Protein backbone atom coordinates (compact mmCIF):
# COMPACT_ATOMS: atom_id res chain seq x y z
CA UNK A 1 -0.02 -0.08 -0.02
CA UNK A 2 1.47 3.36 -1.10
CA UNK A 3 1.37 6.20 1.60
CA UNK A 4 0.81 9.86 1.13
CA UNK A 5 3.40 12.57 1.99
CA UNK A 6 1.66 15.28 3.99
CA UNK A 7 3.93 18.03 3.13
CA UNK A 8 3.49 17.41 -0.84
CA UNK A 9 0.27 15.48 -0.99
CA UNK A 10 2.09 13.24 -3.41
CA UNK A 11 2.07 9.42 -3.02
CA UNK A 12 5.37 7.56 -2.15
CA UNK A 13 6.27 4.39 -3.80
CA UNK A 14 5.49 1.31 -1.36
CA UNK A 15 8.43 -0.04 0.43
CA UNK A 16 9.80 -3.56 -0.04
CA UNK A 17 9.95 -3.59 -3.86
CA UNK A 18 12.90 -1.84 -5.67
CA UNK A 19 11.90 0.79 -8.54
CA UNK A 20 14.05 -1.00 -11.16
CA UNK A 21 12.20 -4.12 -10.46
CA UNK A 22 8.77 -2.83 -10.51
CA UNK A 23 9.66 -1.30 -13.96
CA UNK A 24 10.36 -4.83 -15.36
CA UNK A 25 7.89 -5.68 -18.32
CA UNK A 26 7.58 -9.71 -17.84
CA UNK A 27 6.39 -10.13 -21.38
CA UNK A 28 9.40 -8.16 -22.62
CA UNK A 29 11.72 -9.89 -20.67
CA UNK A 30 10.33 -13.49 -21.89
CA UNK A 31 10.71 -12.31 -25.14
CA UNK A 32 14.37 -11.24 -25.05
CA UNK A 33 15.28 -14.61 -23.24
CA UNK A 34 13.54 -16.48 -25.85
CA UNK A 35 15.43 -14.80 -28.52
CA UNK A 36 18.66 -15.26 -26.84
CA UNK A 37 17.84 -19.00 -26.66
CA UNK A 38 17.23 -19.19 -30.28
CA UNK A 39 20.55 -17.12 -30.97
CA UNK A 40 22.52 -19.64 -28.81
CA UNK A 41 20.74 -22.75 -30.37
CA UNK A 42 21.82 -21.40 -34.04
CA UNK A 43 25.24 -19.83 -33.11
CA UNK A 44 26.74 -22.67 -31.14
CA UNK A 45 26.67 -25.44 -33.82
CA UNK A 46 27.88 -22.92 -36.52
CA UNK A 47 30.69 -21.93 -34.23
CA UNK A 48 31.63 -25.63 -33.59
CA UNK A 49 31.41 -26.41 -37.22
CA UNK A 50 33.98 -23.29 -38.02
CA UNK A 51 36.22 -24.60 -35.22
CA UNK A 52 36.15 -28.18 -36.28
CA UNK A 53 37.24 -27.28 -39.68
CA UNK A 54 39.97 -25.49 -38.67
CA UNK A 55 41.47 -28.23 -36.29
CA UNK A 56 44.18 -30.68 -37.02
CA UNK A 57 42.80 -33.84 -38.16
CA UNK A 58 44.37 -36.19 -35.75
CA UNK A 59 43.33 -33.87 -32.95
CA UNK A 60 39.69 -33.84 -34.32
CA UNK A 61 39.39 -37.34 -34.36
CA UNK A 62 40.20 -37.69 -30.51
CA UNK A 63 38.27 -34.90 -29.17
CA UNK A 64 35.49 -32.41 -29.61
CA UNK A 65 35.59 -28.96 -30.82
CA UNK A 66 35.09 -27.44 -27.43
CA UNK A 67 38.47 -28.91 -26.45
CA UNK A 68 40.17 -26.98 -29.11
CA UNK A 69 42.21 -24.70 -26.87
CA UNK A 70 43.33 -27.65 -24.52
CA UNK A 71 45.96 -30.20 -25.11
CA UNK A 72 44.52 -33.73 -26.14
CA UNK A 73 45.93 -37.11 -25.29
CA UNK A 74 45.68 -40.04 -27.72
CA UNK A 75 46.97 -43.73 -27.52
CA UNK A 76 48.85 -44.92 -30.90
CA UNK A 77 50.70 -47.67 -32.31
CA UNK A 78 53.44 -47.82 -34.95
CA UNK A 79 55.42 -50.72 -36.15
CA UNK A 80 58.99 -50.46 -35.86
CA UNK A 81 61.16 -51.42 -39.05
CA UNK A 82 62.47 -55.18 -39.81
CA UNK A 83 65.99 -56.24 -38.79
CA UNK A 84 67.20 -55.41 -42.53
CA UNK A 85 67.12 -51.73 -41.55
CA UNK A 86 69.61 -51.95 -38.77
CA UNK A 87 72.82 -50.29 -39.16
CA UNK A 88 76.20 -51.01 -37.34
CA UNK A 89 77.78 -48.44 -35.27
CA UNK A 90 80.69 -48.76 -33.01
CA UNK A 91 80.35 -52.53 -32.72
CA UNK A 92 76.48 -52.11 -32.15
CA UNK A 93 73.51 -52.68 -33.94
CA UNK A 94 70.95 -49.61 -34.20
CA UNK A 95 67.60 -49.13 -35.71
CA UNK A 96 66.31 -45.38 -35.46
CA UNK A 97 63.56 -43.32 -36.70
CA UNK A 98 60.62 -41.11 -35.50
CA UNK A 99 57.39 -42.64 -34.56
CA UNK A 100 55.60 -39.56 -35.92
CA UNK A 101 57.27 -39.29 -39.32
CA UNK A 102 57.37 -35.80 -40.56
CA UNK A 103 54.70 -34.56 -38.16
CA UNK A 104 56.64 -33.41 -35.29
CA UNK A 105 54.24 -31.09 -33.35
CA UNK A 106 53.16 -33.85 -31.10
CA UNK A 107 54.93 -35.26 -28.04
CA UNK A 108 55.28 -38.34 -26.15
CA UNK A 109 54.46 -38.98 -22.53
CA UNK A 110 55.19 -42.59 -22.39
CA UNK A 111 55.61 -45.67 -24.19
CA UNK A 112 55.40 -49.50 -23.93
CA UNK A 113 55.30 -52.94 -25.82
CA UNK A 114 51.58 -54.06 -25.23
CA UNK A 115 48.18 -52.02 -25.57
CA UNK A 116 47.70 -52.54 -22.03
CA UNK A 117 50.59 -50.60 -20.99
CA UNK A 118 51.12 -47.75 -23.51
CA UNK A 119 52.93 -45.54 -21.09
CA UNK A 120 54.89 -48.32 -19.09
CA UNK A 121 58.07 -46.04 -19.46
CA UNK A 122 58.28 -42.29 -19.64
CA UNK A 123 59.61 -40.46 -22.51
CA UNK A 124 63.44 -40.24 -22.52
CA UNK A 125 63.50 -43.73 -20.78
CA UNK A 126 64.67 -47.18 -21.97
CA UNK A 127 63.23 -50.39 -21.80
CA UNK A 128 64.30 -54.02 -23.18
CA UNK A 129 62.77 -55.42 -26.28
CA UNK A 130 61.60 -59.07 -26.52
CA UNK A 131 63.94 -59.60 -29.78
CA UNK A 132 67.02 -58.21 -27.94
CA UNK A 133 68.51 -55.02 -26.97
CA UNK A 134 66.75 -51.86 -25.41
CA UNK A 135 64.80 -49.00 -27.03
CA UNK A 136 64.83 -45.36 -26.14
CA UNK A 137 62.07 -42.96 -27.12
CA UNK A 138 62.44 -39.20 -26.55
CA UNK A 139 59.51 -37.00 -26.26
CA UNK A 140 59.77 -35.55 -29.60
CA UNK A 141 59.12 -39.13 -31.18
CA UNK A 142 62.79 -40.09 -31.97
CA UNK A 143 63.62 -43.41 -31.06
CA UNK A 144 66.72 -45.62 -31.20
CA UNK A 145 66.74 -49.50 -30.89
CA UNK A 146 70.29 -50.79 -29.68
CA UNK A 147 71.57 -54.19 -29.55
CA UNK A 148 74.87 -55.57 -28.63
CA UNK A 149 74.09 -58.46 -31.20
CA UNK A 150 72.86 -58.61 -34.62
CA UNK A 151 69.07 -58.28 -34.77
CA UNK A 152 67.32 -60.99 -36.59
CA UNK A 153 63.53 -60.18 -36.47
CA UNK A 154 61.70 -60.74 -39.68
CA UNK A 155 58.58 -58.80 -38.43
CA UNK A 156 58.83 -55.42 -36.93
CA UNK A 157 57.42 -55.37 -33.29
CA UNK A 158 54.59 -53.03 -32.25
CA UNK A 159 55.38 -49.82 -30.06
CA UNK A 160 52.63 -48.28 -28.35
CA UNK A 161 52.83 -44.76 -26.98
CA UNK A 162 50.56 -42.20 -25.69
CA UNK A 163 51.03 -38.72 -27.28
CA UNK A 164 50.10 -35.22 -26.19
CA UNK A 165 48.76 -33.17 -28.91
CA UNK A 166 48.86 -29.52 -28.35
CA UNK A 167 46.21 -27.25 -29.88
CA UNK A 168 46.75 -26.70 -33.57
CA UNK A 169 44.66 -25.12 -36.29
CA UNK A 170 45.50 -25.26 -39.89
CA UNK A 171 43.86 -24.40 -43.21
CA UNK A 172 44.67 -27.56 -44.71
CA UNK A 173 41.13 -29.18 -44.79
CA UNK A 174 39.86 -26.11 -46.82
CA UNK A 175 42.87 -26.44 -49.12
CA UNK A 176 41.75 -30.13 -49.61
CA UNK A 177 38.47 -29.53 -50.11
CA UNK A 178 38.74 -26.39 -52.57
CA UNK A 179 41.35 -28.38 -54.57
CA UNK A 180 39.28 -31.53 -54.89
CA UNK A 181 38.15 -32.58 -58.25
CA UNK A 182 34.77 -30.85 -59.22
CA UNK A 183 34.44 -28.67 -56.18
CA UNK A 184 35.07 -25.41 -57.89
CA UNK A 185 32.75 -26.43 -60.94
CA UNK A 186 29.93 -27.28 -58.31
CA UNK A 187 30.60 -23.92 -56.68
CA UNK A 188 30.13 -22.11 -60.09
CA UNK A 189 26.90 -24.44 -60.66
CA UNK A 190 25.49 -23.29 -57.53
CA UNK A 191 25.75 -19.71 -58.48
CA UNK A 192 24.56 -20.43 -61.87
CA UNK A 193 21.18 -22.01 -60.22
CA UNK A 194 20.84 -19.47 -57.35
CA UNK A 195 21.22 -16.04 -58.93
CA UNK A 196 18.46 -16.54 -61.67
CA UNK A 197 16.37 -18.39 -59.62
CA UNK A 198 16.34 -15.34 -57.07
CA UNK A 199 16.00 -12.69 -59.53
CA UNK A 200 13.10 -14.21 -61.55
CA UNK A 201 10.59 -14.71 -58.95
CA UNK A 202 11.35 -11.29 -57.48
CA UNK A 203 10.70 -9.48 -60.89
CA UNK A 204 7.46 -11.53 -61.54
CA UNK A 205 6.16 -11.30 -57.98
CA UNK A 206 6.59 -7.51 -57.95
CA UNK A 207 4.43 -6.78 -60.83
CA UNK A 208 1.90 -9.37 -59.56
CA UNK A 209 1.95 -7.77 -56.05
CA UNK A 210 1.34 -4.36 -57.35
CA UNK A 211 -1.41 -5.44 -59.50
CA UNK A 212 -3.34 -7.14 -56.64
CA UNK A 213 -2.64 -4.18 -54.28
CA UNK A 214 -3.49 -1.30 -56.25
CA UNK A 215 -5.43 -2.27 -59.52
CA UNK A 216 -8.89 -3.05 -59.67
CA UNK A 217 -9.98 -5.94 -61.82
CA UNK A 218 -12.44 -8.89 -61.53
CA UNK A 219 -11.56 -12.03 -59.24
CA UNK A 220 -8.75 -10.09 -57.47
CA UNK A 221 -9.81 -11.56 -54.02
CA UNK A 222 -9.99 -15.04 -55.46
CA UNK A 223 -6.60 -14.78 -56.75
CA UNK A 224 -5.35 -13.60 -53.50
CA UNK A 225 -7.04 -16.34 -51.67
CA UNK A 226 -5.45 -18.90 -54.10
CA UNK A 227 -2.09 -17.56 -53.61
CA UNK A 228 -2.24 -17.65 -49.70
CA UNK A 229 -3.58 -21.41 -50.31
CA UNK A 230 -0.54 -22.14 -52.42
CA UNK A 231 1.64 -21.43 -49.28
CA UNK A 232 0.78 -24.44 -47.68
CA UNK A 233 1.30 -26.80 -50.53
CA UNK A 234 4.05 -29.23 -49.72
CA UNK A 235 7.09 -28.99 -52.20
CA UNK A 236 7.36 -32.96 -52.09
CA UNK A 237 3.73 -33.31 -53.27
CA UNK A 238 3.98 -30.89 -56.40
CA UNK A 239 7.48 -31.82 -57.40
CA UNK A 240 6.77 -34.90 -59.49
CA UNK A 241 3.86 -33.45 -61.35
CA UNK A 242 5.78 -30.34 -62.12
CA UNK A 243 8.70 -32.61 -63.40
CA UNK A 244 6.39 -34.62 -65.52
CA UNK A 245 4.75 -31.57 -66.87
CA UNK A 246 8.23 -30.00 -67.78
CA UNK A 247 9.28 -33.29 -69.40
CA UNK A 248 6.25 -33.27 -71.58
CA UNK A 249 6.92 -29.61 -72.66
CA UNK A 250 10.68 -30.27 -73.55
CA UNK A 251 9.56 -33.53 -75.51
CA UNK A 252 6.70 -31.39 -77.49
CA UNK A 253 9.72 -28.97 -78.54
CA UNK A 254 12.03 -31.80 -79.50
CA UNK A 255 14.51 -31.36 -76.55
CA UNK A 256 16.44 -34.68 -76.07
CA UNK A 257 17.53 -33.84 -72.47
CA UNK A 258 15.16 -32.00 -70.16
CA UNK A 259 17.58 -31.63 -67.29
CA UNK A 260 18.68 -27.97 -67.96
CA UNK A 261 19.08 -24.98 -66.06
CA UNK A 262 15.87 -23.46 -67.46
CA UNK A 263 13.99 -26.12 -65.83
CA UNK A 264 15.43 -25.75 -62.37
CA UNK A 265 14.93 -21.85 -62.59
CA UNK A 266 11.56 -22.29 -63.45
CA UNK A 267 10.85 -24.84 -60.70
CA UNK A 268 12.20 -22.62 -58.17
CA UNK A 269 10.33 -19.83 -59.48
CA UNK A 270 7.20 -21.55 -59.16
CA UNK A 271 7.92 -22.85 -55.56
CA UNK A 272 8.85 -19.35 -54.49
CA UNK A 273 6.19 -17.10 -56.30
CA UNK A 274 3.45 -17.56 -53.60
CA UNK A 275 5.50 -16.44 -50.56
CA UNK A 276 6.80 -13.50 -52.58
CA UNK A 277 3.61 -12.25 -53.97
CA UNK A 278 2.18 -12.80 -50.55
CA UNK A 279 4.99 -10.54 -48.87
CA UNK A 280 5.17 -7.94 -51.46
CA UNK A 281 1.39 -7.48 -51.94
CA UNK A 282 0.86 -7.05 -47.96
CA UNK A 283 3.74 -4.57 -48.15
CA UNK A 284 2.65 -2.72 -50.98
CA UNK A 285 -1.11 -2.41 -49.67
CA UNK A 286 0.44 -0.71 -46.89
CA UNK A 287 2.04 2.18 -48.63
CA UNK A 288 0.42 5.59 -48.29
CA UNK A 289 -2.67 5.78 -50.52
CA UNK A 290 -2.15 9.69 -50.92
CA UNK A 291 0.96 9.13 -52.72
CA UNK A 292 -0.70 6.80 -55.30
CA UNK A 293 -3.48 9.36 -55.96
CA UNK A 294 -1.29 12.35 -56.28
CA UNK A 295 0.78 10.44 -59.05
CA UNK A 296 -2.59 9.53 -60.86
CA UNK A 297 -3.63 13.05 -60.60
CA UNK A 298 -0.34 14.17 -62.37
CA UNK A 299 -1.00 11.69 -65.11
CA UNK A 300 1.36 8.96 -64.24
CA UNK A 301 0.47 5.40 -65.38
CA UNK A 302 0.49 2.40 -63.33
CA UNK A 303 4.04 1.29 -64.79
CA UNK A 304 5.19 4.84 -64.08
CA UNK A 305 4.07 4.38 -60.35
CA UNK A 306 5.20 1.02 -60.02
CA UNK A 307 8.78 1.67 -61.18
CA UNK A 308 9.26 5.14 -59.98
CA UNK A 309 7.62 4.98 -56.68
CA UNK A 310 6.65 1.60 -55.50
CA UNK A 311 9.58 -0.29 -56.09
CA UNK A 312 12.14 1.99 -54.40
CA UNK A 313 9.65 2.05 -51.26
CA UNK A 314 9.35 -1.71 -51.31
CA UNK A 315 12.99 -2.50 -51.13
CA UNK A 316 13.05 -3.63 -47.28
CA UNK A 317 10.15 -6.56 -48.51
CA UNK A 318 12.15 -7.18 -51.53
CA UNK A 319 15.44 -7.57 -49.62
CA UNK A 320 13.65 -9.96 -47.22
CA UNK A 321 12.12 -12.15 -49.73
CA UNK A 322 15.73 -11.97 -51.47
CA UNK A 323 17.36 -13.62 -48.46
CA UNK A 324 14.76 -16.14 -47.90
CA UNK A 325 14.72 -17.37 -51.48
CA UNK A 326 18.50 -17.08 -52.07
CA UNK A 327 19.06 -19.20 -48.78
CA UNK A 328 16.46 -21.80 -49.82
CA UNK A 329 17.97 -22.27 -53.31
CA UNK A 330 21.55 -22.35 -52.34
CA UNK A 331 21.01 -24.89 -49.62
CA UNK A 332 18.57 -26.89 -51.90
CA UNK A 333 19.51 -30.64 -52.84
CA UNK A 334 16.03 -32.26 -53.76
CA UNK A 335 14.92 -30.08 -56.60
CA UNK A 336 18.60 -29.74 -57.94
CA UNK A 337 18.94 -33.52 -58.06
CA UNK A 338 15.39 -33.96 -59.69
CA UNK A 339 15.71 -31.08 -62.25
CA UNK A 340 19.51 -31.45 -63.14
CA UNK A 341 20.33 -35.26 -62.21
CA UNK A 342 23.94 -36.28 -60.85
CA UNK A 343 25.81 -35.04 -63.94
CA UNK A 344 29.13 -34.04 -62.85
CA UNK A 345 28.92 -31.09 -65.14
CA UNK A 346 25.79 -29.75 -63.52
CA UNK A 347 26.25 -31.07 -59.90
CA UNK A 348 25.53 -28.24 -57.34
CA UNK A 349 27.54 -27.65 -54.27
CA UNK A 350 25.24 -29.64 -51.86
CA UNK A 351 25.35 -32.60 -54.19
CA UNK A 352 29.08 -32.46 -54.39
CA UNK A 353 29.61 -32.45 -50.45
CA UNK A 354 27.12 -35.43 -50.43
CA UNK A 355 29.44 -37.00 -52.89
CA UNK A 356 32.53 -36.09 -50.61
CA UNK A 357 30.66 -37.94 -47.50
CA UNK A 358 30.00 -41.09 -49.88
CA UNK A 359 33.84 -41.30 -50.84
CA UNK A 360 35.55 -39.84 -47.79
CA UNK A 361 33.51 -41.28 -44.90
CA UNK A 362 36.46 -41.73 -42.90
CA UNK A 363 37.99 -38.31 -43.33
CA UNK A 364 35.15 -36.48 -41.92
CA UNK A 365 37.35 -33.45 -40.93
CA UNK A 366 37.15 -32.60 -44.73
CA UNK A 367 33.30 -32.61 -44.48
CA UNK A 368 33.46 -30.07 -41.77
CA UNK A 369 35.42 -27.67 -43.97
CA UNK A 370 33.02 -28.47 -47.11
CA UNK A 371 30.18 -27.73 -45.05
CA UNK A 372 31.47 -24.32 -43.84
CA UNK A 373 32.29 -23.56 -47.36
CA UNK A 374 28.74 -24.26 -48.31
CA UNK A 375 27.34 -21.76 -45.67
CA UNK A 376 29.85 -18.98 -46.39
CA UNK A 377 27.72 -17.34 -49.20
CA UNK A 378 24.44 -17.53 -47.27
CA UNK A 379 25.82 -15.83 -44.45
CA UNK A 380 27.58 -12.94 -46.58
CA UNK A 381 24.00 -12.51 -48.14
CA UNK A 382 22.30 -12.27 -44.97
CA UNK A 383 24.38 -10.05 -42.98
CA UNK A 384 24.54 -7.81 -46.12
CA UNK A 385 20.80 -7.53 -46.17
CA UNK A 386 19.75 -8.33 -42.37
CA UNK A 387 18.97 -4.57 -41.79
CA UNK A 388 16.08 -5.04 -43.81
CA UNK A 389 15.21 -8.39 -42.97
CA UNK A 390 12.91 -8.01 -40.03
CA UNK A 391 11.48 -4.58 -41.20
CA UNK A 392 10.28 -6.09 -44.56
CA UNK A 393 9.01 -9.50 -43.14
CA UNK A 394 7.10 -7.86 -40.59
CA UNK A 395 5.52 -5.24 -42.75
CA UNK A 396 4.54 -7.98 -45.41
CA UNK A 397 2.86 -10.51 -42.92
CA UNK A 398 0.73 -8.10 -40.43
CA UNK A 399 -0.52 -5.71 -42.93
């Protein structure tokens, strides 16, 4: 209960609740927390993918990306050379080498002769070998197997060791992906598909949206209702009928191969037009009516009003749909495989990534780099147009 100050006759805030707490809007707080959770859900996997793509493949194989800044430990085994590779030095027989080969960024903490005791002896120490002599392994991986008598083993014994792998980042995964056969070609193919498949529906939808928003003609309301209904039509349900119709038209005109870029452009245009017309029509319908009336009084035609006034004012909505369409087409695999097939000369980047998964399933560090190469372009597009994204999307959906 608030009290009244006798001197000023003004109510004083009730004690017990801080003023800053009373000003908190529970609804806005929940909204901000929900947005924060969504941002974390989307950002953490992306950050993990980027970190994994930059890590050394040996380190990536034994630990998760969240341990990228810590030293990882792995148990390894190497087979030592046979007796034919021994060298006589000062009356003793020596076999030497490095368990890491040319990769010297690792360090050994211990070694042994069995899988149960891989760190029986600390690095820098020596231990007897079953075939005679003793072996010494340094922390950098260099070893010397020394015997007073000639070694006669025909098969090299196995040496187990525990290696400490310090944090290491490299661009080798990206180099291997970008230099793989056909990757650059598939990258170009993705642009060849995506850019026209984004521009064509925007151009068509802009004209249709203006007509539905500002021109009077019969059955306009029915057309708008049909467009809204097409928004819920599943892609999978309409894909095969659309392909059959396109192949029939191609055969009618004598085309031997219907799998062309024109086909996939038309397919993406058909799938993207309902949402584009819906967003742009609602946005254009919300533009000030007085501007249109003034332009018509001055004698401007519908085409002049559309190109000179409506299009510049509708740029946020155009940018919003551009982001939607570009991301959807760039990341698409189903439509590309149906309308272009698996031809190497027309394979898009997502299809090439799938083929890498099939041929290099064991080298999955390459797939992390390939996946990040795939999402780099959509990220650039999104962050370039993101200031128009929310404004155009909300304006096109609540008007």
